Protein backbone atom coordinates (compact mmCIF):
# COMPACT_ATOMS: atom_id res chain seq x y z
CA MET A 1 78.71 9.47 -35.67
CA THR A 2 75.79 7.36 -34.81
CA LEU A 3 74.84 6.60 -31.26
CA ARG A 4 76.05 2.96 -31.39
CA LYS A 5 79.56 4.10 -32.93
CA GLN A 6 79.69 6.60 -30.09
CA VAL A 7 79.15 4.29 -27.43
CA LYS A 8 81.78 1.89 -28.67
CA TYR A 9 84.21 4.70 -29.33
CA ASN A 10 83.59 5.77 -25.67
CA ALA A 11 83.97 2.21 -24.43
CA LYS A 12 87.47 2.03 -26.08
CA ARG A 13 88.47 5.12 -24.37
CA CYS A 14 87.58 3.93 -21.11
CA LEU A 15 89.56 0.95 -21.63
CA CYS A 16 92.74 2.99 -22.41
CA ASN A 17 95.41 1.99 -20.02
CA ASN A 18 93.03 -0.80 -18.70
CA TRP A 19 93.41 -3.33 -21.37
CA GLY A 20 95.71 -5.53 -19.28
CA LYS A 21 92.95 -5.69 -16.51
CA ALA A 22 90.24 -6.19 -18.95
CA ILE A 23 92.01 -9.24 -20.62
CA SER A 24 92.94 -10.89 -17.26
CA ILE A 25 89.19 -10.67 -16.07
CA VAL A 26 88.17 -12.21 -19.32
CA LEU A 27 90.72 -15.11 -18.89
CA LEU A 28 89.61 -15.20 -15.05
CA ASN A 29 86.16 -15.60 -15.97
CA THR A 30 86.79 -18.29 -18.70
CA ALA A 31 88.86 -20.32 -16.17
CA VAL A 32 86.33 -20.40 -13.75
CA TYR A 33 83.76 -21.28 -16.23
CA LEU A 34 85.89 -24.35 -17.43
CA LEU A 35 86.77 -25.29 -13.79
CA PHE A 36 83.55 -26.91 -13.47
CA ALA A 37 83.54 -28.69 -16.71
CA ILE A 38 87.01 -30.08 -15.96
CA ILE A 39 85.95 -31.03 -12.42
CA GLU A 40 82.85 -32.93 -13.99
CA MET A 41 85.00 -34.59 -16.49
CA MET A 42 87.65 -35.77 -13.89
CA ILE A 43 84.85 -37.07 -11.23
CA ALA A 44 83.19 -38.93 -14.32
CA GLN A 45 86.58 -40.44 -15.30
CA LEU A 46 87.20 -41.58 -11.83
CA LEU A 47 83.87 -43.05 -11.33
CA GLU A 48 83.67 -44.38 -14.91
CA LEU A 49 80.27 -42.51 -15.47
CA PRO A 50 78.76 -41.80 -18.99
CA ILE A 51 79.11 -38.13 -19.98
CA GLY A 52 77.18 -37.02 -23.10
CA ASP A 53 75.16 -40.28 -23.47
CA SER A 54 72.07 -39.76 -25.25
CA THR A 55 70.15 -42.28 -23.16
CA ILE A 56 70.88 -40.42 -19.89
CA LEU A 57 67.40 -38.78 -19.92
CA MET A 58 65.71 -42.30 -20.55
CA SER A 59 67.36 -43.94 -17.83
CA VAL A 60 66.63 -43.84 -14.09
CA SER A 61 68.99 -46.06 -12.57
CA GLY A 62 72.74 -47.13 -12.31
CA ALA A 63 75.58 -45.06 -13.86
CA HIS A 64 73.30 -42.81 -15.85
CA THR A 65 71.36 -41.71 -12.59
CA LEU A 66 74.76 -40.69 -11.08
CA SER A 67 75.88 -38.96 -14.09
CA PHE A 68 72.62 -37.03 -14.27
CA ILE A 69 73.17 -35.87 -10.73
CA LEU A 70 76.64 -34.99 -11.27
CA SER A 71 75.85 -32.70 -14.02
CA LEU A 72 72.94 -31.44 -12.07
CA LEU A 73 75.32 -30.46 -8.92
CA MET A 74 77.92 -28.93 -11.34
CA SER A 75 75.28 -26.94 -13.17
CA ILE A 76 74.11 -25.66 -9.74
CA GLY A 77 77.50 -24.79 -8.37
CA SER A 78 78.25 -23.18 -11.77
CA PHE A 79 75.09 -20.94 -11.39
CA LEU A 80 75.90 -19.81 -7.79
CA LEU A 81 79.44 -18.79 -8.75
CA MET A 82 79.00 -17.42 -12.32
CA VAL A 83 76.03 -15.15 -11.84
CA PRO A 84 77.42 -13.16 -8.86
CA LEU A 85 80.77 -13.07 -10.59
CA ASN A 86 79.30 -11.85 -13.93
CA LEU A 87 77.52 -9.06 -11.92
CA GLY A 88 80.86 -8.04 -10.37
CA ILE A 89 82.45 -7.99 -13.83
CA MET A 90 79.73 -5.75 -14.88
CA ARG A 91 79.97 -3.44 -11.76
CA TRP A 92 83.93 -3.20 -12.57
CA TYR A 93 83.25 -1.98 -16.06
CA HIS A 94 80.59 0.29 -15.07
CA SER A 95 83.00 1.94 -12.37
CA LEU A 96 85.49 2.24 -15.33
CA SER A 97 83.19 4.38 -17.35
CA ASP A 98 82.98 6.77 -14.36
CA GLY A 99 86.87 7.22 -14.33
CA VAL A 100 87.65 4.57 -11.66
CA SER A 101 89.89 1.94 -12.39
CA GLU A 102 89.49 -0.68 -9.45
CA ASP A 103 91.70 -3.66 -8.87
CA ILE A 104 90.52 -6.74 -10.76
CA MET A 105 89.54 -8.60 -7.38
CA GLY A 106 86.73 -5.88 -7.36
CA ILE A 107 84.98 -8.45 -9.55
CA PHE A 108 84.20 -10.73 -6.53
CA SER A 109 82.59 -7.66 -4.63
CA CYS A 110 79.12 -9.59 -4.72
CA PHE A 111 80.73 -12.46 -2.61
CA ALA A 112 81.34 -9.93 -0.03
CA ASN A 113 78.05 -8.60 0.04
CA ARG A 114 75.21 -11.16 1.06
CA LYS A 115 72.46 -8.80 0.02
CA MET A 116 73.99 -8.38 -3.59
CA PHE A 117 74.85 -12.02 -3.79
CA PHE A 118 71.35 -13.28 -3.47
CA ARG A 119 69.96 -10.43 -5.35
CA SER A 120 71.99 -11.35 -8.18
CA LEU A 121 70.80 -14.93 -8.15
CA TRP A 122 67.26 -13.85 -7.72
CA LEU A 123 67.34 -11.57 -10.73
CA SER A 124 68.88 -14.22 -12.93
CA LEU A 125 66.04 -16.64 -12.05
CA ASN A 126 63.28 -13.79 -12.36
CA THR A 127 64.19 -12.70 -15.66
CA GLY A 128 65.13 -16.38 -16.81
CA VAL A 129 61.30 -17.42 -15.92
CA ARG A 130 59.96 -14.09 -17.39
CA ILE A 131 61.86 -14.88 -20.67
CA ALA A 132 60.89 -18.55 -20.80
CA LEU A 133 57.19 -17.71 -20.35
CA THR A 134 57.87 -14.86 -23.33
CA ALA A 135 59.21 -17.54 -25.54
CA VAL A 136 56.31 -19.95 -25.02
CA LEU A 137 54.15 -17.04 -25.86
CA TYR A 138 55.88 -16.06 -29.02
CA LEU A 139 56.98 -19.52 -30.18
CA PHE A 140 54.21 -21.77 -29.43
CA LEU A 141 52.48 -21.33 -32.93
CA PRO A 142 55.74 -21.91 -34.84
CA THR A 143 56.40 -25.03 -32.80
CA VAL A 144 52.98 -26.35 -33.19
CA GLY A 145 53.46 -25.72 -37.08
CA PHE A 146 56.74 -27.93 -37.05
CA VAL A 147 55.14 -30.65 -35.12
CA LEU A 148 52.23 -30.77 -37.60
CA SER A 149 54.56 -30.57 -40.48
CA SER A 150 56.67 -33.48 -39.35
CA PHE A 151 53.42 -35.56 -38.89
CA LEU A 152 52.28 -34.75 -42.32
CA LEU A 153 55.62 -35.37 -44.07
CA SER A 154 55.76 -38.88 -42.32
CA SER A 155 52.56 -39.84 -44.29
CA HIS A 156 52.73 -41.60 -47.71
CA LEU A 157 49.90 -39.56 -49.22
CA SER A 158 50.83 -37.04 -51.84
CA GLU A 159 48.39 -34.61 -50.37
CA ALA A 160 50.00 -34.89 -47.15
CA LEU A 161 53.09 -34.39 -48.34
CA PHE A 162 52.14 -31.13 -50.12
CA LEU A 163 50.51 -29.71 -46.97
CA GLY A 164 53.35 -30.88 -44.81
CA SER A 165 55.96 -28.94 -47.02
CA LEU A 166 53.48 -26.08 -47.20
CA SER A 167 53.08 -26.12 -43.51
CA LEU A 168 56.91 -26.40 -42.73
CA VAL A 169 57.73 -23.25 -44.96
CA PHE A 170 55.03 -21.25 -43.24
CA SER A 171 56.25 -22.45 -39.84
CA ALA A 172 59.74 -21.50 -40.75
CA VAL A 173 58.67 -18.00 -41.84
CA LEU A 174 56.55 -17.60 -38.80
CA PHE A 175 59.31 -18.80 -36.61
CA LEU A 176 61.79 -16.32 -38.12
CA LEU A 177 59.09 -13.38 -37.90
CA MET A 178 58.13 -14.33 -34.16
CA GLY A 179 61.67 -15.17 -33.14
CA GLY A 180 62.51 -11.66 -33.93
CA PHE A 181 59.92 -10.03 -31.96
CA PHE A 182 60.70 -12.42 -29.08
CA LEU A 183 64.36 -11.14 -29.23
CA MET A 184 63.24 -7.56 -29.22
CA ARG A 185 60.81 -8.26 -26.43
CA ILE A 186 63.32 -9.72 -24.02
CA GLN A 187 65.65 -6.60 -24.31
CA ARG A 188 63.33 -4.92 -21.96
CA TYR A 189 65.24 -6.52 -19.00
CA PHE A 190 68.63 -5.41 -20.49
CA LEU A 191 69.10 -2.62 -17.99
CA ALA A 192 67.83 -4.59 -15.01
CA LYS A 193 71.35 -5.53 -13.95
CA TYR A 194 72.64 -1.94 -14.18
CA TYR A 195 69.90 -0.64 -12.04
CA LEU A 196 71.06 -3.29 -9.46
CA LEU A 197 74.41 -2.15 -9.02
CA ASP A 198 73.73 0.86 -6.87
CA GLY A 199 73.11 -1.71 -4.06
CA GLU A 200 69.85 -0.02 -2.80
CA THR A 201 67.45 -1.10 -5.85
CA THR A 202 65.58 -4.41 -5.12
CA VAL A 203 65.31 -6.83 -7.87
CA ARG A 204 61.57 -6.02 -8.43
CA GLN A 205 62.33 -2.32 -8.77
CA ALA A 206 65.32 -2.90 -11.13
CA ILE A 207 63.18 -4.96 -13.42
CA ARG A 208 60.43 -2.24 -13.34
CA SER A 209 62.90 0.41 -13.86
CA SER A 210 64.43 -1.62 -16.73
CA VAL A 211 61.06 -2.08 -18.52
CA HIS A 212 60.21 1.63 -18.12
CA ALA A 213 63.66 2.86 -19.49
CA THR A 214 63.74 0.48 -22.47
CA ARG A 215 60.21 1.31 -23.78
CA GLY A 216 60.24 2.12 -27.41
CA ILE A 217 64.07 1.38 -27.95
CA CYS A 218 64.14 -2.47 -27.54
CA ASP A 219 64.78 -2.78 -31.28
CA GLU A 220 67.70 -0.40 -31.10
CA ILE A 221 69.32 -2.42 -28.19
CA LEU A 222 68.86 -5.57 -30.28
CA VAL A 223 70.68 -4.13 -33.39
CA PHE A 224 73.34 -2.82 -30.80
CA LYS A 225 73.95 -6.32 -29.68
CA PHE A 226 73.90 -7.79 -33.22
CA SER A 227 76.69 -5.23 -34.27
CA PHE A 228 79.19 -7.38 -32.23
CA LEU A 229 78.40 -10.44 -34.12
CA LEU A 230 81.49 -10.34 -36.09
CA TRP A 231 83.54 -9.86 -33.06
CA ALA A 232 82.03 -12.96 -31.44
CA LEU A 233 82.65 -14.82 -34.51
CA CYS A 234 86.34 -13.86 -34.31
CA SER A 235 86.49 -14.98 -30.63
CA LEU A 236 85.60 -18.25 -31.70
CA LEU A 237 89.15 -18.74 -33.23
CA VAL A 238 90.32 -19.36 -29.51
CA LEU A 239 88.15 -22.53 -29.60
CA PRO A 240 90.67 -24.75 -31.44
CA VAL A 241 93.45 -23.92 -28.92
CA LEU A 242 91.07 -25.12 -26.06
CA ALA A 243 90.21 -28.18 -28.08
CA VAL A 244 93.75 -29.05 -28.27
CA TYR A 245 94.18 -28.99 -24.42
CA LEU A 246 91.02 -31.29 -24.13
CA VAL A 247 92.36 -33.82 -26.72
CA ILE A 248 95.56 -33.95 -24.63
CA LEU A 249 93.75 -34.61 -21.52
CA ARG A 250 91.64 -37.33 -23.03
CA ASN A 251 94.87 -38.95 -24.60
CA LEU A 252 96.37 -39.13 -21.36
CA VAL A 253 93.33 -40.81 -19.92
CA ARG A 254 93.41 -43.31 -22.69
CA LEU A 255 97.09 -43.99 -22.28
CA SER A 256 96.65 -44.67 -18.54
CA ARG A 257 94.05 -47.18 -19.42
CA SER A 258 95.90 -48.80 -22.24
CA LEU A 259 98.79 -49.39 -19.85
CA GLU A 260 96.57 -51.29 -17.41
CA ASP A 261 95.41 -53.42 -20.28
CA THR A 262 98.84 -54.47 -21.21
CA GLY A 263 99.70 -55.61 -17.58
CA TYR A 264 101.34 -52.38 -16.36
CA ALA A 265 100.34 -51.14 -12.84
CA ILE A 266 100.38 -47.59 -11.85
CA HIS A 267 100.98 -47.02 -8.14
CA ALA A 268 100.80 -43.67 -6.30
CA ALA A 269 104.30 -42.67 -4.75
CA PRO A 270 104.25 -43.00 -1.18
CA VAL A 271 103.85 -39.73 0.59
CA ARG A 272 103.60 -38.51 4.24
CA LEU A 273 100.27 -36.79 4.08
CA SER A 274 97.17 -37.93 2.19
CA MET A 275 95.51 -35.79 -0.48
CA ALA A 276 92.72 -35.27 1.87
CA ALA A 277 94.94 -33.78 4.56
CA VAL A 278 96.80 -31.47 2.18
CA LEU A 279 93.49 -30.30 0.62
CA TRP A 280 91.84 -29.57 4.13
CA GLY A 281 94.99 -27.97 5.39
CA TYR A 282 95.06 -25.73 2.29
CA LEU A 283 91.66 -24.61 2.70
CA GLY A 284 92.03 -24.13 6.31
CA VAL A 285 94.84 -22.00 5.89
CA THR A 286 93.14 -19.87 3.21
CA LEU A 287 90.14 -19.46 5.39
CA ALA A 288 92.18 -18.11 8.25
CA ALA A 289 94.05 -15.86 5.88
CA VAL A 290 90.95 -14.58 4.79
CA ILE A 291 89.59 -14.01 8.38
CA LEU A 292 92.78 -12.47 9.46
CA ALA A 293 92.88 -10.06 6.23
CA MET A 294 89.10 -9.05 7.35
CA LEU A 295 90.05 -8.43 10.81
CA LEU A 296 93.59 -6.79 10.78
CA GLY A 297 93.92 -5.61 7.14
CA GLN A 298 91.18 -2.86 7.04
CA ARG A 299 93.20 -0.01 8.42
CA TYR A 300 95.70 2.41 7.05
CA PRO A 301 99.09 3.15 8.82
CA MET A 302 98.96 6.44 10.32
CA ASP A 303 102.10 8.33 11.65
CA TRP A 304 100.77 9.87 14.77
CA GLN A 305 103.14 12.46 16.27
CA PRO A 306 102.61 14.85 19.50
CA ARG A 307 101.11 18.08 18.33
CA GLY A 308 103.80 20.61 18.33
CA ASP A 309 102.19 23.53 16.13
CA ALA A 310 103.61 27.01 16.22
CA PRO A 311 101.35 29.65 17.98
CA GLN A 312 98.63 31.35 15.67
CA ASP A 313 98.87 34.97 14.95
CA GLU A 314 96.70 36.45 17.75
CA THR A 315 95.49 39.40 15.62
CA ILE A 316 94.47 37.37 12.53
CA ARG A 317 92.97 34.82 15.11
CA ALA A 318 90.85 37.86 16.86
CA GLU A 319 89.64 39.08 13.27
CA LEU A 320 88.45 35.65 12.27
CA LEU A 321 86.64 34.94 15.78
CA ALA A 322 84.90 38.28 15.19
CA LEU A 323 83.80 37.35 11.75
CA GLY A 324 82.16 34.32 12.84
CA MET A 325 84.92 31.61 12.45
CA PRO A 326 83.93 28.43 14.72
CA ARG A 327 86.60 28.39 17.56
CA ARG A 328 86.71 24.73 17.33
CA VAL A 329 87.65 24.74 13.61
CA LEU A 330 90.18 27.83 14.25
CA ASP A 331 91.88 26.06 17.09
CA ASP A 332 92.70 22.87 14.74
CA LEU A 333 94.45 25.09 11.94
CA THR A 334 98.26 25.35 11.84
CA ALA A 335 99.85 28.79 12.07
CA GLU A 336 100.70 28.95 8.38
CA GLU A 337 96.83 28.19 7.50
CA VAL A 338 95.83 30.76 9.65
CA ALA A 339 98.28 33.40 8.25
CA ALA A 340 96.83 32.65 4.72
CA MET A 341 93.67 34.12 6.20
CA SER A 342 95.09 37.45 6.77
CA GLY A 343 92.64 40.33 5.73
CA ALA A 344 89.49 38.06 5.61
CA ARG A 345 86.42 39.99 4.74
CA ALA A 346 83.77 37.54 5.70
CA VAL A 347 83.29 33.97 6.93
CA PHE A 348 80.37 31.95 5.89
CA VAL A 349 79.58 28.85 7.97
CA ASN A 350 77.32 25.89 7.77
CA GLU A 351 76.96 23.09 10.33
CA ASP A 352 75.63 19.48 9.75
CA LYS A 353 74.79 17.05 12.32
CA LEU A 354 75.64 13.51 11.57
CA TYR A 355 73.34 11.00 13.61
CA SER A 356 74.07 7.29 14.03
CA GLN A 357 72.18 5.22 11.50
CA THR A 358 72.13 2.05 13.82
CA LYS A 359 71.46 3.40 17.38
CA TYR A 360 67.82 4.35 18.08
CA ARG A 361 65.13 4.48 20.91
CA GLU A 362 61.44 3.82 20.27
CA ILE A 363 59.01 6.58 20.87
CA VAL A 364 55.12 5.87 21.07
CA MET A 365 52.73 8.51 19.99
CA GLU A 366 48.97 9.00 19.69
CA HIS A 367 49.20 11.08 16.71
CA TYR A 368 50.77 10.39 13.29
CA LEU A 369 53.63 12.67 12.52
CA GLY A 370 54.76 13.85 9.07
CA GLU A 371 58.13 13.06 7.62
CA ASP A 372 60.97 14.67 9.82
CA PRO A 373 63.25 16.45 7.23
CA LEU A 374 66.31 15.67 9.35
CA ARG A 375 65.59 12.04 9.49
CA VAL A 376 66.06 11.75 13.07
CA LEU A 377 62.64 10.61 13.76
CA ARG A 378 61.36 7.79 11.53
CA TYR A 379 57.92 6.04 11.47
CA TYR A 380 58.38 2.38 12.26
CA ARG A 381 54.76 0.64 12.88
CA THR A 382 51.36 1.25 14.07
CA ILE A 383 49.80 -0.46 16.89
CA THR A 384 45.96 -1.18 16.90
CA THR A 385 43.98 -1.78 20.04
CA LYS A 386 40.44 -3.15 19.95
CA HIS A 387 38.26 -2.09 22.78
CA ASP A 388 35.30 -4.14 24.22
CA ASP A 389 32.68 -1.70 22.52
CA GLY A 390 34.09 -2.61 19.11
CA THR A 391 35.99 0.68 18.56
CA ARG A 392 39.62 0.65 17.83
CA SER A 393 42.46 2.96 18.70
CA TYR A 394 45.76 3.47 17.12
CA THR A 395 49.28 4.45 18.44
CA TYR A 396 52.38 5.08 16.52
CA VAL A 397 55.77 3.79 17.13
CA TYR A 398 58.68 5.97 16.03
CA ARG A 399 62.46 5.31 16.09
CA ALA A 400 64.61 8.16 17.15
CA PHE A 401 68.08 8.24 15.70
CA ASP A 402 69.10 10.98 17.83
CA THR A 403 72.74 9.70 18.93
CA LEU A 404 75.04 12.45 17.54
CA GLU A 405 78.11 10.95 16.24
CA GLN A 406 79.71 13.75 14.34
CA THR A 407 79.47 17.38 13.53
CA MET A 408 80.53 18.63 10.23
CA THR A 409 81.38 22.19 9.88
CA SER A 410 81.95 23.82 6.30
CA VAL A 411 83.40 27.28 6.37
CA ALA A 412 84.39 29.80 3.51
CA VAL A 413 86.71 32.51 4.40
CA GLU A 414 86.28 35.42 1.97
CA LEU A 415 89.70 37.23 1.07
CA ALA A 416 90.70 40.14 -0.96
CA GLY A 417 91.82 38.82 -4.53
CA ALA A 418 94.12 40.52 -7.14
CA ASP A 419 92.69 42.26 -10.29
CA GLY A 420 89.19 42.28 -8.82
CA GLU A 421 88.86 38.63 -8.25
CA LYS A 422 87.55 37.16 -5.03
CA HIS A 423 89.77 34.69 -3.06
CA TYR A 424 88.06 31.94 -0.91
CA ILE A 425 89.74 29.53 1.61
CA VAL A 426 87.03 26.70 2.22
CA ILE A 427 87.37 24.30 5.21
CA HIS A 428 85.39 21.13 5.65
CA HIS A 429 85.80 20.13 9.29
CA LEU A 430 84.72 16.75 11.01
CA TYR A 431 84.46 16.40 14.74
CA TYR A 432 83.60 13.28 16.48
CA ASP A 433 81.10 13.81 19.25
CA THR A 434 80.97 10.05 20.02
CA GLN A 435 83.10 7.48 18.74
CA PRO A 436 81.55 5.18 16.37
CA GLY A 437 81.61 1.37 17.37
CA SER A 438 83.55 0.39 14.09
CA ARG A 439 87.23 1.39 13.79
CA TYR A 440 87.99 0.64 10.34
CA THR A 441 88.95 2.82 7.41
CA GLU A 442 87.37 6.54 6.84
CA GLY A 443 87.42 8.85 3.96
CA MET A 444 86.31 12.29 2.67
CA THR A 445 85.84 13.37 -0.90
CA VAL A 446 85.54 17.12 -1.34
CA TRP A 447 83.83 18.57 -4.37
CA PRO A 448 85.51 22.12 -5.00
CA VAL A 449 83.48 25.05 -5.96
CA TRP A 450 84.86 24.97 -9.63
CA LYS A 451 83.16 21.47 -10.09
CA MET A 452 79.88 23.10 -9.39
CA GLU A 453 80.33 26.24 -11.34
CA ASN A 454 82.74 27.03 -14.07
CA ASN A 455 83.58 30.54 -13.10
CA TRP A 456 85.84 29.51 -10.53
CA ARG A 457 89.62 28.56 -10.81
CA PRO A 458 91.81 26.52 -8.29
CA GLY A 459 94.08 28.11 -6.06
CA THR A 460 97.53 26.71 -4.52
CA LEU A 461 96.33 25.46 -1.07
CA CYS A 462 95.64 21.94 -0.22
CA SER A 463 96.29 20.64 3.25
CA GLY A 464 94.51 18.68 5.82
CA ARG A 465 95.28 16.32 8.89
CA VAL A 466 93.72 14.23 11.75
CA LEU A 467 93.87 15.37 15.31
CA CYS A 468 93.09 13.57 18.65
CA THR A 469 93.91 13.28 22.37
CA ARG A 470 95.58 9.95 23.16
CA ARG A 471 97.18 8.89 26.52
CA GLY A 472 96.72 12.52 27.78
CA THR A 473 98.84 13.94 24.77
CA ALA A 474 97.49 15.81 21.96
CA GLN A 475 98.41 14.11 18.77
CA THR A 476 98.17 14.66 15.05
CA ALA A 477 98.77 12.70 11.89
CA ALA A 478 98.81 13.44 8.07
CA LEU A 479 95.87 12.18 6.10
CA HIS A 480 96.50 9.20 4.02
CA GLY A 481 96.63 9.64 0.34
CA LEU A 482 95.42 13.11 0.30
CA ALA A 483 95.38 14.02 -3.38
CA TYR A 484 93.55 16.25 -6.02
CA ASP A 485 91.95 14.36 -8.80
CA ASP A 486 91.21 16.61 -11.87
CA ARG A 487 90.51 14.84 -15.26
CA GLN A 488 88.37 14.31 -18.07
CA VAL A 489 86.30 10.96 -17.92
CA THR A 490 84.78 9.62 -20.87
CA GLY A 491 82.01 7.38 -20.00
CA PHE A 492 79.18 5.66 -22.16
CA PHE A 493 77.23 8.84 -22.47
CA GLY A 494 79.87 11.39 -23.11
CA THR A 495 82.79 13.29 -21.50
CA ASP A 496 82.54 14.65 -17.89
CA ARG A 497 84.89 16.44 -15.65
CA ARG A 498 85.77 15.01 -12.32
CA ALA A 499 87.33 17.17 -9.84
CA SER A 500 87.76 16.18 -6.18
CA PHE A 501 89.96 16.21 -3.17
CA ASP A 502 90.17 12.72 -1.65
CA ALA A 503 91.67 11.42 1.69
CA GLN A 504 91.55 8.54 3.70
CA TRP A 505 92.61 7.76 7.55
CA THR A 506 92.03 5.46 10.39
CA ARG A 507 91.29 6.35 14.19
CA PRO A 508 93.70 5.23 16.58
CA SER A 509 92.54 2.97 19.56
CA GLY A 510 92.06 4.66 22.83
CA ALA A 511 91.77 8.08 21.12
CA GLY A 512 89.21 10.81 22.20
CA ASP A 513 88.49 14.25 21.17
CA VAL A 514 88.95 13.18 17.39
CA ARG A 515 88.49 15.70 14.50
CA MET A 516 89.89 16.09 11.08
CA TYR A 517 89.65 18.79 8.30
CA MET A 518 90.44 19.46 4.73
CA LEU A 519 91.43 22.85 3.31
CA TYR A 520 91.73 24.44 -0.10
CA ASP A 521 91.46 27.85 -1.72
CA ALA A 522 89.96 29.28 -4.98
CA PHE A 523 89.38 31.99 -7.03
CA CYS A 524 86.49 33.61 -9.07
CA GLY A 525 85.68 36.55 -11.23
CA GLY A 526 82.67 38.85 -11.53
CA ASP A 527 80.69 36.26 -13.34
CA ALA A 528 80.42 33.86 -10.64
CA TRP A 529 77.14 33.83 -8.85
CA VAL A 530 77.18 31.06 -6.25
CA LEU A 531 79.92 29.36 -4.07
CA THR A 532 79.08 25.78 -3.40
CA SER A 533 81.39 22.99 -1.97
CA TYR A 534 80.61 19.60 -0.56
CA GLY A 535 82.33 17.50 1.98
CA ASN A 536 81.32 13.91 1.40
CA TYR A 537 82.17 11.83 4.46
CA THR A 538 82.35 7.80 4.04
CA ARG A 539 82.98 5.40 7.12
CA GLN A 540 83.47 1.77 6.57
CA SER A 541 81.20 0.16 9.02
CA LYS A 542 82.07 -3.63 8.69
CA PRO A 543 84.98 -5.66 7.38
CA VAL A 544 85.02 -6.50 3.70
CA TYR A 545 87.21 -8.97 1.66
CA PRO A 546 89.07 -8.05 -0.59
CA PHE A 547 89.74 -4.73 0.90
CA ASP A 548 89.46 -1.82 -1.68
CA GLY A 549 90.28 1.71 -0.75
CA SER A 550 88.21 3.05 -3.72
CA MET A 551 85.14 2.14 -1.45
CA LEU A 552 85.76 5.32 0.45
CA ARG A 553 85.36 7.55 -2.43
CA TRP A 554 81.93 9.09 -2.55
CA GLY A 555 79.64 6.89 -4.72
CA MET A 556 81.97 4.03 -4.85
CA GLY A 557 81.94 0.76 -3.21
CA ASP A 558 79.41 -1.50 -1.41
CA ARG A 559 76.74 0.69 0.23
CA GLY A 560 76.05 -1.85 2.69
CA ALA A 561 79.48 -1.82 4.15
CA CYS A 562 79.77 2.02 4.47
CA THR A 563 78.02 4.73 6.20
CA ARG A 564 77.83 7.92 4.07
CA TYR A 565 77.04 11.80 5.00
CA MET A 566 77.18 14.90 3.21
CA GLY A 567 77.91 18.51 4.56
CA TYR A 568 78.26 21.72 2.33
CA VAL A 569 78.76 25.54 2.55
CA GLN A 570 76.86 27.64 -0.14
CA LYS A 571 76.65 31.35 -0.59
CA PHE A 572 74.79 33.25 -3.32
CA TRP A 573 75.26 36.80 -4.57
């Protein structure tokens, strides 16, 4: 199977059980595109402006000027809407290749992120200008040949007619040849939009990365695109249906005018509200609904209950503390979870400090420091001071992001397994040292040990919860949507296994001493050589519309709307 066939086969498998969403996206995209054409036609009919007149470019006054302005405004509006929408559609299909089937409203994600909105427009303009300049470079000579052929063929001299015919044939061959090279050349920008999807890459970096990645394979990309030519021709069968609707609309307009010519008058029925009042009222209600959804609809319902845990077994508790189990983590576990750790042999602990990415203080130093591996101290700018004797001195301003927000503690407890296997219980615990300013949704994606190394198998434990102190009472709530996702995902580049525990939660108002944890167990044989488990924490930092819970999964959603941290526990043997 060739690579092109393999890519198409994988794409079809990705669309399995998602055909309804894909068709809805196509219809929605087509409807938005046709909306501008219909609006332009309706305005032109109401103002009796000429649409499609060949003299529009030669006239600079009257109705032709208004028609040109109307077409220009509709084109700009279509550009501002369709370009970000198409990038959102591409992002939806790209996430589908990762095994995540988002809601179709996710295609509007670029409109919720100002950075991505303007980057999509700038990428389209940038690549458009580059393609136009490339077209001038490749098609200049064939165009000159066609102009020269037209001039010679208009002459009545036999020699000129012969030279014109020869020039026309030569220009046509040259046009086909240079046109092919031109089409291959512009494929170097094919991957630019994909590089832009991560939310961090700038337009310039995306174009450079695309040019570098497509070097030497532009012809393969062009052949891949041409392989869809028959499907594109089949899609033209839908055009007659659209033409029927346009003919019906045009006939209705002609019928209205013919009734006016015969003496009939059409009067609008009396209404209590004008169309302007209804339109502005509808827009106001829609805007208010969007704002309320962004402010109030960004949290999960949590069933908070007073904490009433049974007492933990003191013998097991003492053994775990002696092996190095952090007391803060142990105090949050239930009696059943602690009982499952009976007979523990060893405890491995790793602690990660999660500092605020927005709160900082500036420090001025006389010496330049290297990069801080913990990213707590970051270089900001250099201050140059000129002295009277002509010399210069330099001081360096650093930003210290040393406001500790959370502490993620990852623990692996080794137990005795059956038949020579090792049994481990892994805990990812998150403690809030300070309460973040934003109180929206939060989530954690745990990559278990068998995702990292094949000689592991999952156990039967999977639990977790959120704890806090509220109104002087210790309270707890179950995690929202705690689930295990283990499936084979077929993307454009092959099949991959996605294994993760996912959970979300929302902190209550007025809560203190907040913490959460997720726990699971695993078994390994003698061939395993490493234990690695990752706890990936995501916190929504600003309201978004429409809200999508998948943004709390690690690697998904708008990076500008989320703060992400990663903690892990690892043991080699």
